[in-house]
């Protein structure tokens, strides 16, 4: 089962996604501990560090025993490696995963400056190859997967080539995953709005 959760900043999408993982986990006999794949990197951004700490505190206070994996770039490889039956995986979030790839490409050899402290087996960032790998992997997984992504196409067209590339790539990624997903939910002001629902999952 693939569930894509979309929403803007501070929409409540991550909280909804975590509650969805709890629901799925409760419905699976002999379930494994849920896996939280975090794509964010702190870098030199104090505000991002605060956001990450808040998410970590929320998971620590959760009734679920999360296994957290920091995966800023090699998401397709990580999903393939950890996949197994009776497991629920939360990916939070796809847009930071995309951002990491675009920054790595833009900064070229200065990858460690662009994305400090990341661990990956990728020698360089090839977004299209990674995206294709992710789209190929998702339908084959035994695990149930909940993916969080920002809905970024509702505002003004941003200035700057990299910003416009980000909006385009995020929109195309969301569309591609929504096509294969069993469920798609848009979260607005903390309220989940079902966009797509499968009766088979």
N, C-alpha and C. Protein backbone atom coordinates (compact mmCIF):
# COMPACT_ATOMS: atom_id res chain seq x y z
N UNK A 1 0.84 -1.19 0.00
CA UNK A 1 0.00 0.00 0.00
C UNK A 1 0.88 1.24 0.00
N UNK A 2 0.57 2.18 -0.86
CA UNK A 2 1.26 3.46 -0.93
C UNK A 2 0.25 4.55 -0.63
N UNK A 3 0.61 5.41 0.34
CA UNK A 3 -0.26 6.53 0.70
C UNK A 3 0.57 7.81 0.59
N UNK A 4 0.19 8.70 -0.31
CA UNK A 4 0.85 9.99 -0.48
C UNK A 4 0.07 11.05 0.29
N UNK A 5 0.78 11.76 1.16
CA UNK A 5 0.16 12.82 1.98
C UNK A 5 0.76 14.16 1.55
N UNK A 6 -0.09 15.03 1.02
CA UNK A 6 0.34 16.34 0.54
C UNK A 6 -0.16 17.45 1.45
N UNK A 7 0.54 18.57 1.44
CA UNK A 7 0.09 19.73 2.21
C UNK A 7 1.12 20.83 2.16
N UNK A 8 0.69 22.03 2.51
CA UNK A 8 1.60 23.16 2.57
C UNK A 8 2.35 23.19 3.90
N UNK A 9 3.15 24.22 4.08
CA UNK A 9 3.89 24.38 5.33
C UNK A 9 2.92 24.56 6.49
N UNK A 10 3.19 23.85 7.58
CA UNK A 10 2.37 23.92 8.80
C UNK A 10 0.91 23.54 8.54
N UNK A 11 0.69 22.66 7.60
CA UNK A 11 -0.67 22.22 7.30
C UNK A 11 -1.13 21.09 8.22
N UNK A 12 -0.17 20.44 8.89
CA UNK A 12 -0.49 19.27 9.70
C UNK A 12 -0.27 17.97 8.97
N UNK A 13 0.42 18.03 7.82
CA UNK A 13 0.59 16.83 7.00
C UNK A 13 1.43 15.76 7.70
N UNK A 14 2.49 16.17 8.39
CA UNK A 14 3.35 15.18 9.07
C UNK A 14 2.60 14.53 10.23
N UNK A 15 1.85 15.32 10.97
CA UNK A 15 1.08 14.75 12.08
C UNK A 15 0.04 13.76 11.57
N UNK A 16 -0.62 14.13 10.46
CA UNK A 16 -1.60 13.21 9.88
C UNK A 16 -0.92 11.93 9.41
N UNK A 17 0.24 12.07 8.76
CA UNK A 17 0.96 10.90 8.25
C UNK A 17 1.36 9.98 9.39
N UNK A 18 1.81 10.54 10.50
CA UNK A 18 2.20 9.71 11.64
C UNK A 18 0.98 9.00 12.24
N UNK A 19 -0.16 9.68 12.26
CA UNK A 19 -1.38 9.03 12.76
C UNK A 19 -1.83 7.92 11.82
N UNK A 20 -1.59 8.12 10.53
CA UNK A 20 -1.93 7.09 9.54
C UNK A 20 -1.05 5.86 9.74
N UNK A 21 0.25 6.08 10.02
CA UNK A 21 1.15 4.96 10.30
C UNK A 21 0.67 4.19 11.52
N UNK A 22 0.23 4.92 12.55
CA UNK A 22 -0.27 4.26 13.76
C UNK A 22 -1.49 3.40 13.45
N UNK A 23 -2.37 3.89 12.59
CA UNK A 23 -3.56 3.12 12.22
C UNK A 23 -3.18 1.85 11.47
N UNK A 24 -2.28 1.99 10.51
CA UNK A 24 -1.87 0.83 9.72
C UNK A 24 -1.16 -0.19 10.60
N UNK A 25 -0.26 0.30 11.46
CA UNK A 25 0.48 -0.58 12.37
C UNK A 25 -0.46 -1.38 13.25
N UNK A 26 -1.50 -0.73 13.75
CA UNK A 26 -2.45 -1.40 14.64
C UNK A 26 -3.24 -2.49 13.92
N UNK A 27 -3.31 -2.40 12.60
CA UNK A 27 -4.12 -3.36 11.84
C UNK A 27 -3.32 -4.57 11.35
N UNK A 28 -1.99 -4.57 11.58
CA UNK A 28 -1.13 -5.64 11.06
C UNK A 28 -0.72 -6.58 12.19
N UNK A 29 -1.09 -7.86 12.13
CA UNK A 29 -0.62 -8.83 13.13
C UNK A 29 0.89 -9.02 13.03
N UNK A 30 1.53 -9.17 14.17
CA UNK A 30 2.98 -9.40 14.23
C UNK A 30 3.75 -8.33 13.45
N UNK A 31 3.33 -7.10 13.62
CA UNK A 31 3.94 -6.00 12.89
C UNK A 31 5.33 -5.69 13.42
N UNK A 32 6.23 -5.25 12.54
CA UNK A 32 7.56 -4.79 12.94
C UNK A 32 7.45 -3.34 13.41
N UNK A 33 8.49 -2.86 14.06
CA UNK A 33 8.51 -1.45 14.45
C UNK A 33 8.45 -0.58 13.20
N UNK A 34 7.65 0.50 13.22
CA UNK A 34 7.59 1.36 12.04
C UNK A 34 8.91 2.07 11.82
N UNK A 35 9.22 2.32 10.55
CA UNK A 35 10.47 2.97 10.18
C UNK A 35 10.18 4.40 9.74
N UNK A 36 10.93 5.33 10.29
CA UNK A 36 10.82 6.75 9.92
C UNK A 36 12.05 7.11 9.10
N UNK A 37 11.87 7.37 7.81
CA UNK A 37 12.97 7.80 6.96
C UNK A 37 12.96 9.31 6.90
N UNK A 38 13.96 9.93 7.52
CA UNK A 38 14.06 11.38 7.59
C UNK A 38 15.00 11.87 6.49
N UNK A 39 14.52 12.77 5.65
CA UNK A 39 15.34 13.28 4.55
C UNK A 39 15.95 14.65 4.85
N UNK A 40 15.58 15.25 5.97
CA UNK A 40 16.08 16.60 6.30
C UNK A 40 17.53 16.55 6.76
N UNK A 41 18.25 17.63 6.48
CA UNK A 41 19.61 17.80 6.99
C UNK A 41 19.68 19.14 7.70
N UNK A 42 20.39 19.18 8.82
CA UNK A 42 20.46 20.41 9.61
C UNK A 42 21.34 21.45 8.93
N UNK A 43 22.52 21.04 8.49
CA UNK A 43 23.44 21.99 7.88
C UNK A 43 23.78 23.10 8.85
N UNK A 44 23.70 24.34 8.36
CA UNK A 44 24.02 25.51 9.19
C UNK A 44 22.75 26.32 9.48
N UNK A 45 21.60 25.67 9.40
CA UNK A 45 20.30 26.33 9.51
C UNK A 45 19.71 26.06 10.89
N UNK A 46 19.73 27.06 11.77
CA UNK A 46 19.23 26.89 13.14
C UNK A 46 17.73 26.62 13.16
N UNK A 47 17.00 27.25 12.24
CA UNK A 47 15.56 27.04 12.20
C UNK A 47 15.24 25.62 11.80
N UNK A 48 15.97 25.07 10.83
CA UNK A 48 15.76 23.68 10.43
C UNK A 48 16.13 22.74 11.58
N UNK A 49 17.17 23.08 12.31
CA UNK A 49 17.56 22.27 13.47
C UNK A 49 16.43 22.21 14.48
N UNK A 50 15.74 23.33 14.68
CA UNK A 50 14.60 23.36 15.61
C UNK A 50 13.45 22.50 15.11
N UNK A 51 13.21 22.55 13.80
CA UNK A 51 12.15 21.72 13.23
C UNK A 51 12.45 20.24 13.41
N UNK A 52 13.70 19.86 13.12
CA UNK A 52 14.09 18.46 13.25
C UNK A 52 13.97 18.01 14.69
N UNK A 53 14.41 18.86 15.64
CA UNK A 53 14.32 18.53 17.06
C UNK A 53 12.86 18.34 17.48
N UNK A 54 11.98 19.16 16.95
CA UNK A 54 10.55 19.04 17.28
C UNK A 54 9.99 17.71 16.78
N UNK A 55 10.36 17.33 15.56
CA UNK A 55 9.91 16.04 15.03
C UNK A 55 10.49 14.88 15.86
N UNK A 56 11.74 15.01 16.28
CA UNK A 56 12.36 13.96 17.10
C UNK A 56 11.64 13.83 18.44
N UNK A 57 11.28 14.96 19.04
CA UNK A 57 10.56 14.94 20.31
C UNK A 57 9.19 14.29 20.15
N UNK A 58 8.52 14.60 19.04
CA UNK A 58 7.21 14.01 18.79
C UNK A 58 7.31 12.49 18.67
N UNK A 59 8.34 12.00 17.97
CA UNK A 59 8.52 10.56 17.83
C UNK A 59 8.87 9.91 19.17
N UNK A 60 9.68 10.61 19.97
CA UNK A 60 10.05 10.07 21.29
C UNK A 60 8.84 9.94 22.20
N UNK A 61 7.88 10.85 22.04
CA UNK A 61 6.68 10.84 22.87
C UNK A 61 5.58 9.94 22.32
N UNK A 62 5.80 9.39 21.14
CA UNK A 62 4.80 8.56 20.48
C UNK A 62 4.68 7.21 21.15
N UNK A 63 3.50 6.60 20.99
CA UNK A 63 3.30 5.24 21.51
C UNK A 63 4.00 4.23 20.61
N UNK A 64 4.39 4.65 19.42
CA UNK A 64 5.09 3.76 18.49
C UNK A 64 6.59 3.76 18.78
N UNK A 65 7.21 2.61 18.57
CA UNK A 65 8.66 2.49 18.75
C UNK A 65 9.33 2.67 17.39
N UNK A 66 9.58 3.93 17.04
CA UNK A 66 10.11 4.25 15.72
C UNK A 66 11.56 3.82 15.56
N UNK A 67 11.89 3.31 14.38
CA UNK A 67 13.28 3.14 13.96
C UNK A 67 13.55 4.24 12.95
N UNK A 68 14.46 5.16 13.28
CA UNK A 68 14.71 6.32 12.43
C UNK A 68 15.96 6.12 11.58
N UNK A 69 15.83 6.38 10.28
CA UNK A 69 16.94 6.31 9.35
C UNK A 69 17.08 7.66 8.65
N UNK A 70 18.25 8.27 8.75
CA UNK A 70 18.49 9.54 8.07
C UNK A 70 18.96 9.24 6.64
N UNK A 71 18.15 9.63 5.67
CA UNK A 71 18.41 9.29 4.27
C UNK A 71 18.14 10.50 3.40
N UNK A 72 19.08 11.42 3.29
CA UNK A 72 18.84 12.63 2.52
C UNK A 72 18.85 12.46 1.02
N UNK A 73 19.50 11.41 0.50
CA UNK A 73 19.65 11.27 -0.95
C UNK A 73 19.22 9.93 -1.50
N UNK A 74 19.69 8.83 -0.93
CA UNK A 74 19.54 7.49 -1.53
C UNK A 74 18.26 6.82 -1.05
N UNK A 75 17.11 7.44 -1.32
CA UNK A 75 15.84 6.92 -0.82
C UNK A 75 15.47 5.59 -1.48
N UNK A 76 15.63 5.49 -2.78
CA UNK A 76 15.28 4.24 -3.47
C UNK A 76 16.10 3.07 -2.94
N UNK A 77 17.40 3.28 -2.74
CA UNK A 77 18.27 2.23 -2.21
C UNK A 77 17.88 1.86 -0.80
N UNK A 78 17.56 2.86 0.02
CA UNK A 78 17.18 2.61 1.41
C UNK A 78 15.90 1.79 1.49
N UNK A 79 14.89 2.16 0.71
CA UNK A 79 13.63 1.42 0.72
C UNK A 79 13.83 -0.03 0.30
N UNK A 80 14.64 -0.24 -0.73
CA UNK A 80 14.93 -1.60 -1.20
C UNK A 80 15.62 -2.41 -0.12
N UNK A 81 16.57 -1.78 0.56
CA UNK A 81 17.38 -2.50 1.56
C UNK A 81 16.57 -2.90 2.79
N UNK A 82 15.65 -2.07 3.24
CA UNK A 82 14.95 -2.34 4.50
C UNK A 82 13.59 -3.01 4.29
N UNK A 83 13.16 -3.17 3.06
CA UNK A 83 11.82 -3.67 2.78
C UNK A 83 11.60 -5.08 3.33
N UNK A 84 10.44 -5.29 3.95
CA UNK A 84 10.02 -6.62 4.38
C UNK A 84 8.53 -6.58 4.69
N UNK A 85 7.94 -7.74 4.81
CA UNK A 85 6.51 -7.84 5.10
C UNK A 85 6.22 -7.38 6.52
N UNK A 86 4.97 -7.00 6.75
CA UNK A 86 4.50 -6.58 8.09
C UNK A 86 5.29 -5.39 8.63
N UNK A 87 5.59 -4.45 7.74
CA UNK A 87 6.34 -3.26 8.14
C UNK A 87 5.69 -2.03 7.53
N UNK A 88 5.69 -0.94 8.29
CA UNK A 88 5.17 0.34 7.80
C UNK A 88 6.32 1.34 7.79
N UNK A 89 6.47 2.04 6.68
CA UNK A 89 7.55 3.01 6.50
C UNK A 89 6.94 4.39 6.26
N UNK A 90 7.44 5.38 6.99
CA UNK A 90 7.05 6.78 6.77
C UNK A 90 8.25 7.52 6.20
N UNK A 91 8.05 8.17 5.05
CA UNK A 91 9.09 9.01 4.44
C UNK A 91 8.68 10.46 4.60
N UNK A 92 9.50 11.24 5.30
CA UNK A 92 9.18 12.64 5.56
C UNK A 92 10.46 13.47 5.37
N UNK A 93 10.59 14.21 4.25
CA UNK A 93 9.57 14.32 3.22
C UNK A 93 10.23 14.30 1.84
N UNK A 94 9.41 14.12 0.81
CA UNK A 94 9.90 14.01 -0.55
C UNK A 94 10.50 15.32 -1.06
N UNK A 95 9.96 16.45 -0.63
CA UNK A 95 10.45 17.72 -1.16
C UNK A 95 11.83 18.08 -0.61
N UNK A 96 12.14 17.68 0.62
CA UNK A 96 13.49 17.88 1.12
C UNK A 96 14.47 16.93 0.42
N UNK A 97 14.01 15.74 0.16
CA UNK A 97 14.80 14.76 -0.62
C UNK A 97 15.14 15.33 -1.99
N UNK A 98 14.16 15.93 -2.66
CA UNK A 98 14.39 16.59 -3.94
C UNK A 98 15.35 17.76 -3.77
N UNK A 99 15.12 18.57 -2.76
CA UNK A 99 15.98 19.73 -2.51
C UNK A 99 17.44 19.32 -2.35
N UNK A 100 17.68 18.24 -1.61
CA UNK A 100 19.05 17.77 -1.40
C UNK A 100 19.72 17.44 -2.72
N UNK A 101 18.97 16.79 -3.62
CA UNK A 101 19.54 16.43 -4.93
C UNK A 101 19.82 17.67 -5.77
N UNK A 102 18.88 18.62 -5.78
CA UNK A 102 19.08 19.83 -6.59
C UNK A 102 20.24 20.66 -6.06
N UNK A 103 20.38 20.74 -4.74
CA UNK A 103 21.50 21.48 -4.17
C UNK A 103 22.83 20.80 -4.49
N UNK A 104 22.84 19.49 -4.40
CA UNK A 104 24.07 18.76 -4.66
C UNK A 104 24.50 18.96 -6.11
N UNK A 105 23.53 18.94 -7.02
CA UNK A 105 23.83 19.18 -8.42
C UNK A 105 24.32 20.61 -8.65
N UNK A 106 23.66 21.58 -8.01
CA UNK A 106 23.99 22.99 -8.20
C UNK A 106 25.34 23.34 -7.61
N UNK A 107 25.66 22.76 -6.44
CA UNK A 107 26.92 23.08 -5.78
C UNK A 107 28.09 22.28 -6.33
N UNK A 108 27.79 21.25 -7.13
CA UNK A 108 28.85 20.47 -7.76
C UNK A 108 29.76 19.84 -6.73
N UNK A 109 31.05 20.15 -6.81
CA UNK A 109 32.04 19.54 -5.93
C UNK A 109 31.92 19.97 -4.50
N UNK A 110 31.15 21.02 -4.22
CA UNK A 110 31.00 21.50 -2.84
C UNK A 110 29.84 20.81 -2.15
N UNK A 111 29.67 19.52 -2.37
CA UNK A 111 28.53 18.78 -1.84
C UNK A 111 28.48 18.83 -0.32
N UNK A 112 29.63 18.74 0.33
CA UNK A 112 29.63 18.73 1.79
C UNK A 112 29.21 20.06 2.36
N UNK A 113 29.43 21.15 1.60
CA UNK A 113 28.95 22.46 2.05
C UNK A 113 27.46 22.57 1.83
N UNK A 114 26.98 22.04 0.70
CA UNK A 114 25.56 22.13 0.39
C UNK A 114 24.74 21.27 1.33
N UNK A 115 25.21 20.06 1.60
CA UNK A 115 24.47 19.12 2.43
C UNK A 115 25.43 18.52 3.46
N UNK A 116 25.70 19.23 4.56
CA UNK A 116 26.65 18.72 5.53
C UNK A 116 26.15 17.46 6.23
N UNK A 117 27.08 16.62 6.64
CA UNK A 117 26.81 15.48 7.51
C UNK A 117 25.88 14.44 6.90
N UNK A 118 25.82 14.33 5.57
CA UNK A 118 24.97 13.28 5.02
C UNK A 118 25.79 12.02 4.80
N UNK A 119 25.09 10.89 4.86
CA UNK A 119 25.73 9.59 4.61
C UNK A 119 24.99 8.95 3.45
N UNK A 120 25.67 8.63 2.39
CA UNK A 120 25.03 8.05 1.22
C UNK A 120 26.05 7.26 0.41
N UNK A 121 25.56 6.33 -0.37
CA UNK A 121 26.46 5.60 -1.25
C UNK A 121 26.47 6.21 -2.65
N UNK A 122 25.84 7.37 -2.81
CA UNK A 122 25.84 8.03 -4.10
C UNK A 122 27.09 8.90 -4.24
N UNK A 123 27.83 8.68 -5.31
CA UNK A 123 29.03 9.48 -5.52
C UNK A 123 28.65 10.88 -6.01
N UNK A 124 27.57 10.98 -6.74
CA UNK A 124 27.10 12.27 -7.21
C UNK A 124 25.59 12.21 -7.34
N UNK A 125 24.99 13.37 -7.51
CA UNK A 125 23.54 13.42 -7.58
C UNK A 125 23.06 13.43 -9.03
N UNK A 126 22.28 12.44 -9.39
CA UNK A 126 21.62 12.40 -10.68
C UNK A 126 20.14 12.25 -10.38
N UNK A 127 19.44 13.38 -10.32
CA UNK A 127 18.06 13.38 -9.85
C UNK A 127 17.16 12.49 -10.70
N UNK A 128 17.27 12.59 -12.02
CA UNK A 128 16.37 11.81 -12.87
C UNK A 128 16.56 10.32 -12.66
N UNK A 129 17.82 9.89 -12.53
CA UNK A 129 18.09 8.47 -12.27
C UNK A 129 17.52 8.04 -10.93
N UNK A 130 17.73 8.86 -9.91
CA UNK A 130 17.21 8.54 -8.57
C UNK A 130 15.69 8.51 -8.58
N UNK A 131 15.08 9.48 -9.24
CA UNK A 131 13.62 9.53 -9.33
C UNK A 131 13.07 8.29 -10.02
N UNK A 132 13.68 7.92 -11.14
CA UNK A 132 13.25 6.72 -11.87
C UNK A 132 13.38 5.48 -10.99
N UNK A 133 14.46 5.40 -10.23
CA UNK A 133 14.67 4.26 -9.33
C UNK A 133 13.59 4.21 -8.26
N UNK A 134 13.25 5.37 -7.69
CA UNK A 134 12.21 5.43 -6.67
C UNK A 134 10.86 4.99 -7.22
N UNK A 135 10.51 5.50 -8.40
CA UNK A 135 9.22 5.15 -9.00
C UNK A 135 9.16 3.67 -9.37
N UNK A 136 10.31 3.07 -9.68
CA UNK A 136 10.34 1.64 -10.00
C UNK A 136 10.24 0.79 -8.74
N UNK A 137 10.81 1.28 -7.64
CA UNK A 137 10.86 0.52 -6.40
C UNK A 137 9.51 0.51 -5.67
N UNK A 138 8.85 1.64 -5.62
CA UNK A 138 7.66 1.78 -4.77
C UNK A 138 6.60 0.69 -5.01
N UNK A 139 6.21 0.39 -6.25
CA UNK A 139 5.15 -0.61 -6.45
C UNK A 139 5.56 -2.03 -6.06
N UNK A 140 6.87 -2.27 -5.93
CA UNK A 140 7.36 -3.62 -5.64
C UNK A 140 7.52 -3.89 -4.15
N UNK A 141 7.36 -2.88 -3.29
CA UNK A 141 7.63 -3.04 -1.87
C UNK A 141 6.59 -3.90 -1.18
N UNK A 142 7.06 -4.75 -0.26
CA UNK A 142 6.15 -5.49 0.61
C UNK A 142 5.62 -4.60 1.73
N UNK A 143 6.43 -3.65 2.14
CA UNK A 143 6.05 -2.74 3.23
C UNK A 143 4.92 -1.82 2.79
N UNK A 144 4.13 -1.37 3.77
CA UNK A 144 3.22 -0.26 3.54
C UNK A 144 4.02 1.02 3.68
N UNK A 145 3.82 1.96 2.75
CA UNK A 145 4.63 3.18 2.74
C UNK A 145 3.74 4.41 2.74
N UNK A 146 4.02 5.32 3.67
CA UNK A 146 3.35 6.62 3.72
C UNK A 146 4.39 7.67 3.38
N UNK A 147 4.15 8.44 2.33
CA UNK A 147 5.10 9.45 1.88
C UNK A 147 4.52 10.84 2.07
N UNK A 148 5.30 11.72 2.68
CA UNK A 148 4.87 13.10 2.90
C UNK A 148 5.54 13.99 1.87
N UNK A 149 4.78 14.92 1.29
CA UNK A 149 5.35 15.85 0.32
C UNK A 149 4.63 17.18 0.39
N UNK A 150 5.35 18.25 0.06
CA UNK A 150 4.73 19.57 0.04
C UNK A 150 3.98 19.80 -1.26
N UNK A 151 2.84 20.43 -1.17
CA UNK A 151 2.13 20.92 -2.34
C UNK A 151 2.61 22.35 -2.57
N UNK A 152 3.45 22.53 -3.59
CA UNK A 152 4.14 23.81 -3.76
C UNK A 152 3.65 24.60 -4.98
N UNK A 153 2.69 24.08 -5.69
CA UNK A 153 2.29 24.72 -6.94
C UNK A 153 1.14 25.70 -6.83
N UNK A 154 0.71 26.04 -5.61
CA UNK A 154 -0.46 26.90 -5.47
C UNK A 154 -0.12 28.38 -5.30
N UNK A 155 1.18 28.69 -5.19
CA UNK A 155 1.58 30.07 -5.01
C UNK A 155 2.05 30.70 -6.31
N UNK A 156 2.72 31.85 -6.16
CA UNK A 156 3.25 32.54 -7.33
C UNK A 156 4.45 31.77 -7.88
N UNK A 157 4.73 31.97 -9.17
CA UNK A 157 5.91 31.35 -9.77
C UNK A 157 7.14 32.02 -9.18
N UNK A 158 8.05 31.26 -8.56
CA UNK A 158 9.18 31.87 -7.87
C UNK A 158 10.21 32.44 -8.85
N UNK A 159 10.98 33.42 -8.36
CA UNK A 159 12.07 33.97 -9.15
C UNK A 159 13.30 33.10 -8.97
N UNK A 160 14.12 33.01 -10.00
CA UNK A 160 15.35 32.25 -9.90
C UNK A 160 15.21 30.89 -10.55
N UNK A 161 16.21 30.50 -11.30
CA UNK A 161 16.17 29.24 -12.05
C UNK A 161 16.05 28.03 -11.14
N UNK A 162 16.84 28.00 -10.06
CA UNK A 162 16.81 26.84 -9.17
C UNK A 162 15.45 26.71 -8.48
N UNK A 163 14.86 27.83 -8.08
CA UNK A 163 13.55 27.80 -7.42
C UNK A 163 12.47 27.30 -8.37
N UNK A 164 12.52 27.75 -9.62
CA UNK A 164 11.53 27.28 -10.59
C UNK A 164 11.73 25.80 -10.90
N UNK A 165 12.99 25.37 -10.97
CA UNK A 165 13.28 23.95 -11.20
C UNK A 165 12.73 23.11 -10.06
N UNK A 166 12.88 23.60 -8.83
CA UNK A 166 12.36 22.88 -7.67
C UNK A 166 10.84 22.71 -7.76
N UNK A 167 10.13 23.79 -8.06
CA UNK A 167 8.67 23.72 -8.16
C UNK A 167 8.25 22.75 -9.26
N UNK A 168 8.91 22.82 -10.40
CA UNK A 168 8.57 21.91 -11.50
C UNK A 168 8.81 20.45 -11.11
N UNK A 169 10.00 20.18 -10.58
CA UNK A 169 10.35 18.80 -10.24
C UNK A 169 9.47 18.26 -9.11
N UNK A 170 9.15 19.10 -8.13
CA UNK A 170 8.27 18.65 -7.04
C UNK A 170 6.88 18.31 -7.57
N UNK A 171 6.38 19.14 -8.46
CA UNK A 171 5.06 18.87 -9.03
C UNK A 171 5.04 17.59 -9.84
N UNK A 172 6.07 17.37 -10.65
CA UNK A 172 6.14 16.14 -11.47
C UNK A 172 6.29 14.90 -10.59
N UNK A 173 7.10 15.02 -9.51
CA UNK A 173 7.27 13.88 -8.60
C UNK A 173 5.96 13.55 -7.91
N UNK A 174 5.26 14.56 -7.42
CA UNK A 174 3.98 14.33 -6.75
C UNK A 174 2.97 13.68 -7.69
N UNK A 175 2.92 14.15 -8.92
CA UNK A 175 1.99 13.57 -9.89
C UNK A 175 2.31 12.10 -10.16
N UNK A 176 3.59 11.80 -10.33
CA UNK A 176 3.99 10.43 -10.65
C UNK A 176 3.65 9.47 -9.52
N UNK A 177 3.91 9.90 -8.27
CA UNK A 177 3.61 9.03 -7.13
C UNK A 177 2.11 8.94 -6.90
N UNK A 178 1.39 10.04 -7.11
CA UNK A 178 -0.07 10.01 -6.95
C UNK A 178 -0.71 9.03 -7.92
N UNK A 179 -0.15 8.91 -9.10
CA UNK A 179 -0.69 7.99 -10.11
C UNK A 179 -0.65 6.54 -9.63
N UNK A 180 0.44 6.16 -8.95
CA UNK A 180 0.58 4.77 -8.51
C UNK A 180 0.07 4.55 -7.09
N UNK A 181 -0.18 5.61 -6.35
CA UNK A 181 -0.58 5.48 -4.95
C UNK A 181 -1.98 4.89 -4.81
N UNK A 182 -2.16 4.15 -3.72
CA UNK A 182 -3.50 3.64 -3.40
C UNK A 182 -4.36 4.72 -2.76
N UNK A 183 -3.70 5.59 -1.99
CA UNK A 183 -4.40 6.69 -1.32
C UNK A 183 -3.60 7.97 -1.50
N UNK A 184 -4.30 9.07 -1.74
CA UNK A 184 -3.69 10.40 -1.75
C UNK A 184 -4.56 11.30 -0.90
N UNK A 185 -3.92 11.99 0.06
CA UNK A 185 -4.64 12.88 0.97
C UNK A 185 -4.00 14.25 0.96
N UNK A 186 -4.80 15.29 0.81
CA UNK A 186 -4.33 16.67 0.94
C UNK A 186 -4.73 17.17 2.32
N UNK A 187 -3.77 17.67 3.08
CA UNK A 187 -4.04 18.18 4.43
C UNK A 187 -4.01 19.70 4.39
N UNK A 188 -5.11 20.32 4.82
CA UNK A 188 -5.23 21.77 4.86
C UNK A 188 -5.72 22.18 6.25
N UNK A 189 -4.97 23.04 6.93
CA UNK A 189 -5.33 23.51 8.27
C UNK A 189 -5.61 22.35 9.22
N UNK A 190 -4.82 21.28 9.08
CA UNK A 190 -4.97 20.12 9.95
C UNK A 190 -6.08 19.18 9.56
N UNK A 191 -6.79 19.48 8.47
CA UNK A 191 -7.94 18.67 8.06
C UNK A 191 -7.57 17.84 6.84
N UNK A 192 -7.70 16.52 6.91
CA UNK A 192 -7.36 15.67 5.76
C UNK A 192 -8.50 15.64 4.74
N UNK A 193 -8.13 15.90 3.49
CA UNK A 193 -9.10 15.87 2.40
C UNK A 193 -8.70 14.74 1.45
N UNK A 194 -9.45 13.64 1.41
CA UNK A 194 -9.10 12.51 0.53
C UNK A 194 -9.21 12.91 -0.94
N UNK A 195 -8.15 12.70 -1.70
CA UNK A 195 -8.15 12.95 -3.13
C UNK A 195 -8.28 11.68 -3.93
N UNK A 196 -7.80 10.56 -3.35
CA UNK A 196 -7.82 9.28 -4.03
C UNK A 196 -7.86 8.19 -2.97
N UNK A 197 -8.75 7.24 -3.13
CA UNK A 197 -8.88 6.16 -2.17
C UNK A 197 -9.11 4.86 -2.90
N UNK A 198 -8.34 3.85 -2.52
CA UNK A 198 -8.50 2.53 -3.08
C UNK A 198 -9.29 1.66 -2.11
N UNK A 199 -10.26 0.93 -2.62
CA UNK A 199 -11.04 0.04 -1.75
C UNK A 199 -10.31 -1.26 -1.48
N UNK A 200 -9.17 -1.46 -2.16
CA UNK A 200 -8.44 -2.72 -2.01
C UNK A 200 -7.30 -2.65 -0.99
N UNK A 201 -7.16 -1.50 -0.31
CA UNK A 201 -6.07 -1.36 0.66
C UNK A 201 -6.49 -0.56 1.85
